[in-house]
Amino acid sequence: MFNIVVPQLGESVVEARVARWLKKEGDRVDTGDPVVELETEKIDLEVGADHAGVISSIKHREGDDVKVGEVLAVVDEKAAPAATPAAATPAATPPATEPPRATPTARRIAREHDVDIGTVQGSGAAGRVTKQDVQGALAPPAPAREADLAPTRAAKIAPTAERGSAPTPEGDRTEERVRMSKRRQTIARRLVEAQRTAAMLTTFNEVDMTAVMALRDRRKEEFRKQHGVGLGIASFFVKAALAALKAFPQLNAEIQGDEIVLKRYYDIGIAVGAVGGLVVPVLRDADRLSFAEIELGVRDFASRAASGALTLEDLAGGTFTVTNGGVFGSLLSTPILNPPQVGILGLHKVQDRAIPVNGQVVIRPMMYVALTYDHRIVDGREAVQFLVTIKELVEDPANLLLVS
């Protein structure tokens, strides 16, 4: 006998939820076969069998919360698989089909919206169904024309009118109760914790993006041909943030008890929106990366977040975070700290605005930037100067070559 247990789930993750059993009691499993899918606050993952045998007992049902080390199932290495009754008419029995492979998040979304996941075409590796595939299947039908709705409305109203009572109001007033995912629960808990435990303040500035936009226009085709990725704005702000962090090390620190831990390495978290909630994969040693490596890293994070392929290692740690609400159209916002970090840089939509330049009013592509910081160890003067440093470097990007 051997146990299948909840594995180590990474830094600070101690609990998971049983999303779906891939095997049932009596099923035969080989070494490495995926047995159960778990949903954690950061990622979804499959847990496999370490030895071949037959599943003799399943200890937790789908939907149960489990902790690291808890037994999920027991496998008997010596037992024979449960016999299946012979069909009376084998010719009439349809062949057994394997359940469609899908990510746990895709299955959860399908369950919540009553979608038969077997009907969804998978676009992931080996045809695996991803959450984007399920979302595509949820696309609403084209709105009906008014003329098409008229007979139905008339049929609904007419009987009521005959009785002389007021027409029944139309519209769906039902309610739906949906259990929060582990990730959403953790996001809710950590956001409240950050507001309760940190002295958060936000300072703002605006950046003239003229030079960066012009540089991108001149170099984008050459950059793409050489590196296989577009030249976005993320790399400029990551580079500028790295220079500012070196100038103001309190922003690259954390509080532990009554001590300040100043970190001499730079692991930059890149906030990425996903269906299950925001995730923050980390660019390790970002100060050693080139513009192309940063852009490739950001694109890879976005792609793997969309397909549910991020690992716990991708999300662990981080000394400072950059988030870009501008990709969703945000013009201005106040980002919330990602504890135990003490700083987060918020980027926003680039928008043409009229600004004074050398005594004249001109139209320039402008971006508001925000820095939220923990006032317990970062003073307002340092926070403002940090953001001004980023502004100056991005407005004259040639200076980024001098500080890299």
Protein backbone atom coordinates (compact mmCIF):
# COMPACT_ATOMS: atom_id res chain seq x y z
CA MET A 1 0.00 0.00 0.00
CA PHE A 2 1.10 3.55 -0.59
CA ASN A 3 -0.59 6.91 -0.21
CA ILE A 4 -1.14 9.69 -2.72
CA VAL A 5 -0.78 12.87 -0.67
CA VAL A 6 -1.12 16.58 -1.22
CA PRO A 7 2.37 17.64 -2.38
CA GLN A 8 4.32 20.69 -1.31
CA LEU A 9 2.54 23.59 -2.98
CA GLY A 10 5.21 26.24 -2.87
CA GLU A 11 6.06 29.23 -0.73
CA SER A 12 3.27 30.17 1.73
CA VAL A 13 0.73 27.83 0.06
CA VAL A 14 -0.51 25.27 2.58
CA GLU A 15 -3.98 24.38 1.33
CA ALA A 16 -5.66 23.24 -1.88
CA ARG A 17 -9.10 22.16 -3.06
CA VAL A 18 -9.90 18.86 -4.75
CA ALA A 19 -11.10 20.04 -8.16
CA ARG A 20 -11.66 16.71 -9.95
CA TRP A 21 -10.82 13.04 -9.61
CA LEU A 22 -9.37 11.63 -12.82
CA LYS A 23 -9.54 8.08 -11.45
CA LYS A 24 -12.06 6.28 -9.24
CA GLU A 25 -11.83 3.52 -6.66
CA GLY A 26 -10.94 0.23 -8.35
CA ASP A 27 -9.11 1.90 -11.26
CA ARG A 28 -5.66 0.72 -12.24
CA VAL A 29 -2.92 3.39 -12.30
CA ASP A 30 0.62 3.27 -13.61
CA THR A 31 3.57 5.22 -12.26
CA GLY A 32 3.18 8.87 -13.21
CA ASP A 33 -0.49 8.63 -14.17
CA PRO A 34 -2.42 11.78 -13.17
CA VAL A 35 -4.97 10.82 -10.51
CA VAL A 36 -6.50 14.03 -9.19
CA GLU A 37 -6.59 17.73 -10.04
CA LEU A 38 -6.05 20.27 -7.26
CA GLU A 39 -6.92 23.95 -7.25
CA THR A 40 -4.65 26.23 -5.20
CA GLU A 41 -4.63 29.93 -4.52
CA LYS A 42 -1.98 30.39 -7.20
CA ILE A 43 -2.23 27.64 -9.82
CA ASP A 44 -4.07 24.42 -10.65
CA LEU A 45 -2.08 21.21 -10.79
CA GLU A 46 -2.39 17.47 -11.34
CA VAL A 47 -1.17 14.96 -8.73
CA GLY A 48 0.05 11.64 -10.07
CA ALA A 49 0.74 8.16 -8.74
CA ASP A 50 4.28 7.37 -7.57
CA HIS A 51 3.76 3.61 -8.02
CA ALA A 52 1.58 1.33 -10.12
CA GLY A 53 -1.39 -0.37 -8.53
CA VAL A 54 -5.11 -0.13 -7.94
CA ILE A 55 -6.85 2.74 -6.14
CA SER A 56 -8.36 1.05 -3.10
CA SER A 57 -9.67 4.12 -1.32
CA ILE A 58 -10.35 7.80 -2.05
CA LYS A 59 -10.22 9.93 1.10
CA HIS A 60 -11.60 13.27 -0.10
CA ARG A 61 -14.45 14.23 -2.38
CA GLU A 62 -14.40 16.87 -5.09
CA GLY A 63 -14.76 20.29 -3.49
CA ASP A 64 -13.01 19.30 -0.24
CA ASP A 65 -10.25 21.55 1.08
CA VAL A 66 -7.05 19.67 1.91
CA LYS A 67 -3.71 20.59 3.45
CA VAL A 68 -0.15 19.73 2.41
CA GLY A 69 0.65 16.17 3.41
CA GLU A 70 -2.96 14.97 3.75
CA VAL A 71 -3.79 11.62 2.18
CA LEU A 72 -5.85 11.94 -1.00
CA ALA A 73 -6.07 8.26 -1.94
CA VAL A 74 -4.60 4.86 -1.10
CA VAL A 75 -3.15 2.64 -3.81
CA ASP A 76 -2.76 -1.13 -3.40
CA GLU A 77 0.26 -2.29 -5.38
CA LYS A 78 -0.84 -5.95 -5.23
CA ALA A 79 -4.57 -5.71 -5.92
CA ALA A 80 -6.12 -6.51 -9.28
CA PRO A 81 -8.33 -3.89 -10.91
CA ALA A 82 -12.06 -4.19 -10.25
CA ALA A 83 -13.77 -6.44 -12.77
CA THR A 84 -16.29 -4.84 -15.04
CA PRO A 85 -19.42 -6.85 -15.88
CA ALA A 86 -19.50 -8.29 -19.37
CA ALA A 87 -22.05 -6.69 -21.65
CA ALA A 88 -24.91 -8.90 -22.79
CA THR A 89 -24.56 -7.73 -26.36
CA PRO A 90 -20.98 -6.60 -26.94
CA ALA A 91 -21.72 -5.51 -30.48
CA ALA A 92 -24.27 -3.00 -29.23
CA THR A 93 -22.04 -1.54 -26.52
CA PRO A 94 -20.30 1.67 -27.59
CA PRO A 95 -16.55 1.74 -27.04
CA ALA A 96 -15.39 3.43 -23.85
CA THR A 97 -14.04 6.90 -24.37
CA GLU A 98 -11.43 8.70 -22.33
CA PRO A 99 -12.69 11.84 -20.59
CA PRO A 100 -11.52 14.97 -22.39
CA ARG A 101 -8.27 16.38 -21.04
CA ALA A 102 -8.75 19.85 -19.61
CA THR A 103 -7.17 22.15 -17.05
CA PRO A 104 -8.83 22.25 -13.61
CA THR A 105 -9.77 25.89 -14.16
CA ALA A 106 -11.42 25.02 -17.46
CA ARG A 107 -13.44 22.28 -15.76
CA ARG A 108 -14.48 24.59 -12.93
CA ILE A 109 -15.69 27.28 -15.33
CA ALA A 110 -17.53 24.64 -17.37
CA ARG A 111 -19.26 23.34 -14.22
CA GLU A 112 -20.21 26.85 -13.08
CA HIS A 113 -21.81 27.63 -16.45
CA ASP A 114 -23.27 24.17 -17.15
CA VAL A 115 -21.10 23.58 -20.22
CA ASP A 116 -20.44 20.01 -21.42
CA ILE A 117 -16.66 20.11 -21.60
CA GLY A 118 -16.71 17.11 -23.95
CA THR A 119 -18.17 19.38 -26.63
CA VAL A 120 -15.42 22.00 -26.33
CA GLN A 121 -12.55 21.86 -28.80
CA GLY A 122 -9.20 22.04 -26.96
CA SER A 123 -6.43 24.36 -28.14
CA GLY A 124 -3.80 23.46 -25.54
CA ALA A 125 -1.00 20.94 -25.69
CA ALA A 126 -2.20 17.53 -26.96
CA GLY A 127 -5.67 18.99 -27.46
CA ARG A 128 -6.14 19.91 -23.82
CA VAL A 129 -9.11 22.19 -23.15
CA THR A 130 -8.08 25.52 -21.60
CA LYS A 131 -10.19 28.13 -19.86
CA GLN A 132 -10.07 30.28 -23.03
CA ASP A 133 -11.68 27.40 -24.94
CA VAL A 134 -14.50 27.23 -22.39
CA GLN A 135 -14.90 31.00 -22.44
CA GLY A 136 -15.21 30.84 -26.21
CA ALA A 137 -18.01 28.31 -25.82
CA LEU A 138 -19.74 30.77 -23.48
CA ALA A 139 -19.86 33.56 -26.07
CA PRO A 140 -23.41 34.98 -26.01
CA PRO A 141 -25.60 34.50 -29.10
CA ALA A 142 -26.29 37.42 -31.36
CA PRO A 143 -29.06 39.62 -29.90
CA ALA A 144 -32.49 38.92 -31.30
CA ARG A 145 -34.14 41.53 -33.46
CA GLU A 146 -37.04 43.52 -32.02
CA ALA A 147 -39.35 42.03 -34.64
CA ASP A 148 -38.43 38.52 -33.52
CA LEU A 149 -39.24 39.33 -29.90
CA ALA A 150 -42.57 41.04 -30.55
CA PRO A 151 -44.75 37.90 -30.88
CA THR A 152 -43.29 36.40 -27.70
CA ARG A 153 -43.86 39.58 -25.72
CA ALA A 154 -47.39 39.84 -27.02
CA ALA A 155 -48.10 36.26 -26.00
CA LYS A 156 -46.83 36.95 -22.48
CA ILE A 157 -48.77 40.16 -21.98
CA ALA A 158 -52.05 39.31 -23.66
CA PRO A 159 -53.44 36.82 -21.07
CA THR A 160 -52.65 39.19 -18.25
CA ALA A 161 -54.35 42.07 -20.05
CA GLU A 162 -57.48 39.95 -20.53
CA ARG A 163 -57.74 39.45 -16.77
CA GLY A 164 -57.51 43.18 -16.27
CA SER A 165 -54.40 43.00 -14.03
CA ALA A 166 -51.14 44.85 -14.45
CA PRO A 167 -48.63 43.24 -16.85
CA THR A 168 -45.91 41.14 -15.21
CA PRO A 169 -42.53 42.91 -15.46
CA GLU A 170 -40.10 41.17 -17.75
CA GLY A 171 -36.49 40.38 -16.92
CA ASP A 172 -34.48 37.77 -15.06
CA ARG A 173 -34.51 38.40 -11.30
CA THR A 174 -33.00 35.09 -10.29
CA GLU A 175 -29.88 34.81 -8.15
CA GLU A 176 -26.94 32.46 -8.39
CA ARG A 177 -24.71 31.42 -5.53
CA VAL A 178 -21.18 30.43 -6.63
CA ARG A 179 -18.47 29.17 -4.30
CA MET A 180 -15.35 31.32 -4.39
CA SER A 181 -12.30 29.65 -5.88
CA LYS A 182 -9.20 29.19 -3.75
CA ARG A 183 -7.46 31.90 -5.74
CA ARG A 184 -10.29 34.40 -5.31
CA GLN A 185 -10.47 33.64 -1.58
CA THR A 186 -6.74 34.27 -1.26
CA ILE A 187 -6.89 37.48 -3.29
CA ALA A 188 -9.69 38.76 -1.06
CA ARG A 189 -7.83 37.81 2.12
CA ARG A 190 -4.49 39.27 1.04
CA LEU A 191 -5.98 42.56 -0.16
CA VAL A 192 -7.72 43.10 3.16
CA GLU A 193 -4.55 42.03 4.98
CA ALA A 194 -2.46 44.51 2.99
CA GLN A 195 -4.81 47.37 3.85
CA ARG A 196 -4.89 46.38 7.52
CA THR A 197 -1.17 45.78 8.11
CA ALA A 198 0.62 48.28 5.84
CA ALA A 199 0.55 52.07 5.95
CA MET A 200 -0.23 52.41 2.25
CA LEU A 201 0.04 55.73 0.46
CA THR A 202 0.05 56.46 -3.27
CA THR A 203 1.87 59.19 -5.15
CA PHE A 204 1.20 60.07 -8.79
CA ASN A 205 3.00 61.60 -11.74
CA GLU A 206 2.64 61.71 -15.49
CA VAL A 207 5.07 60.63 -18.17
CA ASP A 208 5.43 62.08 -21.66
CA MET A 209 5.68 58.96 -23.83
CA THR A 210 6.74 60.79 -27.00
CA ALA A 211 10.33 59.56 -27.03
CA VAL A 212 9.42 55.95 -26.21
CA MET A 213 6.66 55.83 -28.84
CA ALA A 214 9.00 57.32 -31.46
CA LEU A 215 11.75 54.84 -30.59
CA ARG A 216 9.32 51.93 -30.83
CA ASP A 217 8.07 53.12 -34.22
CA ARG A 218 11.64 53.33 -35.55
CA ARG A 219 12.87 50.04 -34.16
CA LYS A 220 9.83 47.74 -33.83
CA GLU A 221 10.27 45.82 -37.09
CA GLU A 222 14.01 45.37 -36.63
CA PHE A 223 13.46 44.38 -32.98
CA ARG A 224 10.81 41.81 -33.90
CA LYS A 225 12.95 40.27 -36.64
CA GLN A 226 15.96 40.01 -34.37
CA HIS A 227 14.25 38.79 -31.18
CA GLY A 228 10.93 37.35 -32.29
CA VAL A 229 8.91 39.61 -29.99
CA GLY A 230 7.46 43.10 -30.20
CA LEU A 231 9.02 46.03 -28.37
CA GLY A 232 6.38 47.06 -25.84
CA ILE A 233 6.45 49.64 -23.08
CA ALA A 234 6.86 47.11 -20.26
CA SER A 235 10.59 46.74 -20.74
CA PHE A 236 11.17 50.52 -20.55
CA PHE A 237 9.35 50.78 -17.23
CA VAL A 238 10.97 47.65 -15.78
CA LYS A 239 14.40 49.04 -16.69
CA ALA A 240 13.53 52.44 -15.22
CA ALA A 241 12.13 50.82 -12.06
CA LEU A 242 15.35 48.83 -11.62
CA ALA A 243 17.41 52.02 -11.78
CA ALA A 244 15.11 53.71 -9.29
CA LEU A 245 15.24 50.73 -6.92
CA LYS A 246 19.02 50.90 -6.88
CA ALA A 247 18.84 54.61 -6.09
CA PHE A 248 16.17 54.11 -3.40
CA PRO A 249 16.79 50.66 -1.87
CA GLN A 250 14.00 51.06 0.73
CA LEU A 251 11.54 50.28 -2.08
CA ASN A 252 13.25 46.92 -2.64
CA ALA A 253 12.85 45.73 0.94
CA GLU A 254 10.45 44.18 3.41
CA ILE A 255 9.72 44.36 7.12
CA GLN A 256 10.42 41.32 9.30
CA GLY A 257 9.53 41.98 12.91
CA ASP A 258 11.46 45.07 13.97
CA GLU A 259 14.00 44.77 11.17
CA ILE A 260 14.14 46.09 7.60
CA VAL A 261 15.48 43.56 5.09
CA LEU A 262 17.14 45.42 2.21
CA LYS A 263 17.43 43.10 -0.78
CA ARG A 264 20.40 43.31 -3.09
CA TYR A 265 18.71 41.28 -5.81
CA TYR A 266 15.86 42.38 -8.06
CA ASP A 267 13.02 39.96 -8.72
CA ILE A 268 10.29 41.97 -10.42
CA GLY A 269 6.71 40.71 -10.26
CA ILE A 270 4.62 41.34 -13.38
CA ALA A 271 0.90 41.42 -12.60
CA VAL A 272 -1.08 39.44 -15.17
CA GLY A 273 -4.87 39.26 -15.37
CA ALA A 274 -6.34 35.76 -15.62
CA VAL A 275 -9.83 34.33 -15.51
CA GLY A 276 -9.43 32.95 -11.99
CA GLY A 277 -7.93 36.20 -10.69
CA LEU A 278 -4.78 38.28 -10.82
CA VAL A 279 -1.46 36.41 -10.70
CA VAL A 280 2.03 37.86 -10.32
CA PRO A 281 4.77 35.76 -11.96
CA VAL A 282 8.29 36.94 -11.26
CA LEU A 283 11.18 37.96 -13.53
CA ARG A 284 14.20 36.62 -11.63
CA ASP A 285 17.33 38.81 -11.51
CA ALA A 286 15.61 41.30 -13.78
CA ASP A 287 18.59 43.65 -13.58
CA ARG A 288 20.56 41.13 -15.65
CA LEU A 289 17.96 40.92 -18.43
CA SER A 290 18.03 42.76 -21.74
CA PHE A 291 15.05 44.60 -23.22
CA ALA A 292 14.32 41.57 -25.41
CA GLU A 293 14.55 39.13 -22.50
CA ILE A 294 12.12 41.23 -20.47
CA GLU A 295 9.64 41.42 -23.35
CA LEU A 296 9.93 37.68 -23.98
CA GLY A 297 9.41 37.01 -20.27
CA VAL A 298 6.31 39.19 -20.08
CA ARG A 299 4.82 37.60 -23.20
CA ASP A 300 5.54 34.12 -21.86
CA PHE A 301 3.87 34.95 -18.53
CA ALA A 302 0.75 36.27 -20.28
CA SER A 303 0.52 33.21 -22.52
CA ARG A 304 0.97 30.68 -19.71
CA ALA A 305 -1.39 32.55 -17.40
CA ALA A 306 -4.05 32.35 -20.12
CA SER A 307 -3.56 28.60 -20.59
CA GLY A 308 -3.16 27.81 -16.88
CA ALA A 309 0.43 26.64 -17.34
CA LEU A 310 2.18 28.84 -14.76
CA THR A 311 4.04 26.92 -12.06
CA LEU A 312 4.38 27.65 -8.36
CA GLU A 313 8.03 28.52 -8.96
CA ASP A 314 6.94 31.23 -11.42
CA LEU A 315 4.86 32.91 -8.70
CA ALA A 316 7.14 32.58 -5.69
CA GLY A 317 8.89 35.57 -4.17
CA GLY A 318 9.31 38.94 -5.82
CA THR A 319 10.84 42.11 -4.39
CA PHE A 320 8.82 44.75 -6.29
CA THR A 321 5.80 44.63 -8.62
CA VAL A 322 4.78 46.37 -11.83
CA THR A 323 1.12 46.31 -12.85
CA ASN A 324 -0.37 47.76 -16.03
CA GLY A 325 -4.05 48.60 -15.85
CA GLY A 326 -3.66 50.46 -19.12
CA VAL A 327 -4.05 47.24 -21.10
CA PHE A 328 -7.66 47.20 -19.88
CA GLY A 329 -8.20 50.91 -20.54
CA SER A 330 -7.55 52.26 -17.02
CA LEU A 331 -6.58 55.93 -17.06
CA LEU A 332 -5.72 56.23 -13.35
CA SER A 333 -5.81 53.90 -10.35
CA THR A 334 -4.20 53.24 -6.97
CA PRO A 335 -2.53 49.80 -6.95
CA ILE A 336 -2.50 47.77 -3.74
CA LEU A 337 0.71 46.35 -2.30
CA ASN A 338 1.60 42.71 -2.76
CA PRO A 339 2.84 41.81 0.76
CA PRO A 340 5.51 41.54 1.99
CA GLN A 341 6.69 43.94 -0.74
CA VAL A 342 6.66 47.64 0.13
CA GLY A 343 6.24 49.11 -3.34
CA ILE A 344 4.20 48.62 -6.50
CA LEU A 345 4.31 50.67 -9.71
CA GLY A 346 1.05 51.16 -11.59
CA LEU A 347 1.05 51.94 -15.31
CA HIS A 348 -1.96 53.22 -17.21
CA LYS A 349 -3.37 53.96 -20.64
CA VAL A 350 -1.35 56.16 -23.00
CA GLN A 351 -3.65 58.98 -24.08
CA ASP A 352 -3.13 62.12 -26.15
CA ARG A 353 -3.48 65.24 -23.99
CA ALA A 354 -2.80 68.94 -24.37
CA ILE A 355 0.18 70.00 -22.25
CA PRO A 356 2.36 73.14 -22.10
CA VAL A 357 5.83 72.75 -23.63
CA ASN A 358 8.19 75.74 -23.86
CA GLY A 359 5.34 78.20 -23.57
CA GLN A 360 3.14 76.47 -26.15
CA VAL A 361 0.27 74.05 -25.82
CA VAL A 362 0.99 70.83 -27.72
CA ILE A 363 -0.59 67.40 -28.00
CA ARG A 364 1.52 64.62 -26.51
CA PRO A 365 0.96 60.93 -25.68
CA MET A 366 0.82 60.97 -21.88
CA MET A 367 0.58 58.29 -19.21
CA TYR A 368 -0.31 58.65 -15.55
CA VAL A 369 1.88 56.51 -13.28
CA ALA A 370 1.25 55.64 -9.66
CA LEU A 371 3.50 54.35 -6.89
CA THR A 372 1.88 52.79 -3.83
CA TYR A 373 4.34 52.37 -0.98
CA ASP A 374 4.47 51.30 2.65
CA HIS A 375 4.93 54.49 4.65
CA ARG A 376 6.32 52.50 7.58
CA ILE A 377 9.74 52.33 5.92
CA VAL A 378 9.40 54.58 2.86
CA ASP A 379 9.07 58.33 3.36
CA GLY A 380 7.06 60.55 1.06
CA ARG A 381 10.18 62.31 -0.19
CA GLU A 382 11.77 59.04 -1.28
CA ALA A 383 8.55 57.84 -2.93
CA VAL A 384 8.15 61.05 -4.92
CA GLN A 385 11.80 61.03 -5.99
CA PHE A 386 11.53 57.37 -6.96
CA LEU A 387 8.62 58.14 -9.30
CA VAL A 388 10.35 61.24 -10.67
CA THR A 389 13.39 59.09 -11.48
CA ILE A 390 11.20 56.72 -13.48
CA LYS A 391 9.55 59.65 -15.27
CA GLU A 392 12.90 61.19 -16.26
CA LEU A 393 14.35 57.91 -17.50
CA VAL A 394 11.33 56.98 -19.62
CA GLU A 395 11.02 60.48 -21.08
CA ASP A 396 14.66 60.24 -22.21
CA PRO A 397 15.10 56.47 -22.77
CA ALA A 398 18.69 56.85 -23.95
CA ASN A 399 19.55 57.36 -20.27
CA LEU A 400 18.45 53.77 -19.59
CA LEU A 401 21.64 52.64 -21.34
CA LEU A 402 23.70 54.63 -18.83
CA VAL A 403 22.06 53.19 -15.71
CA SER A 404 21.64 49.53 -16.80
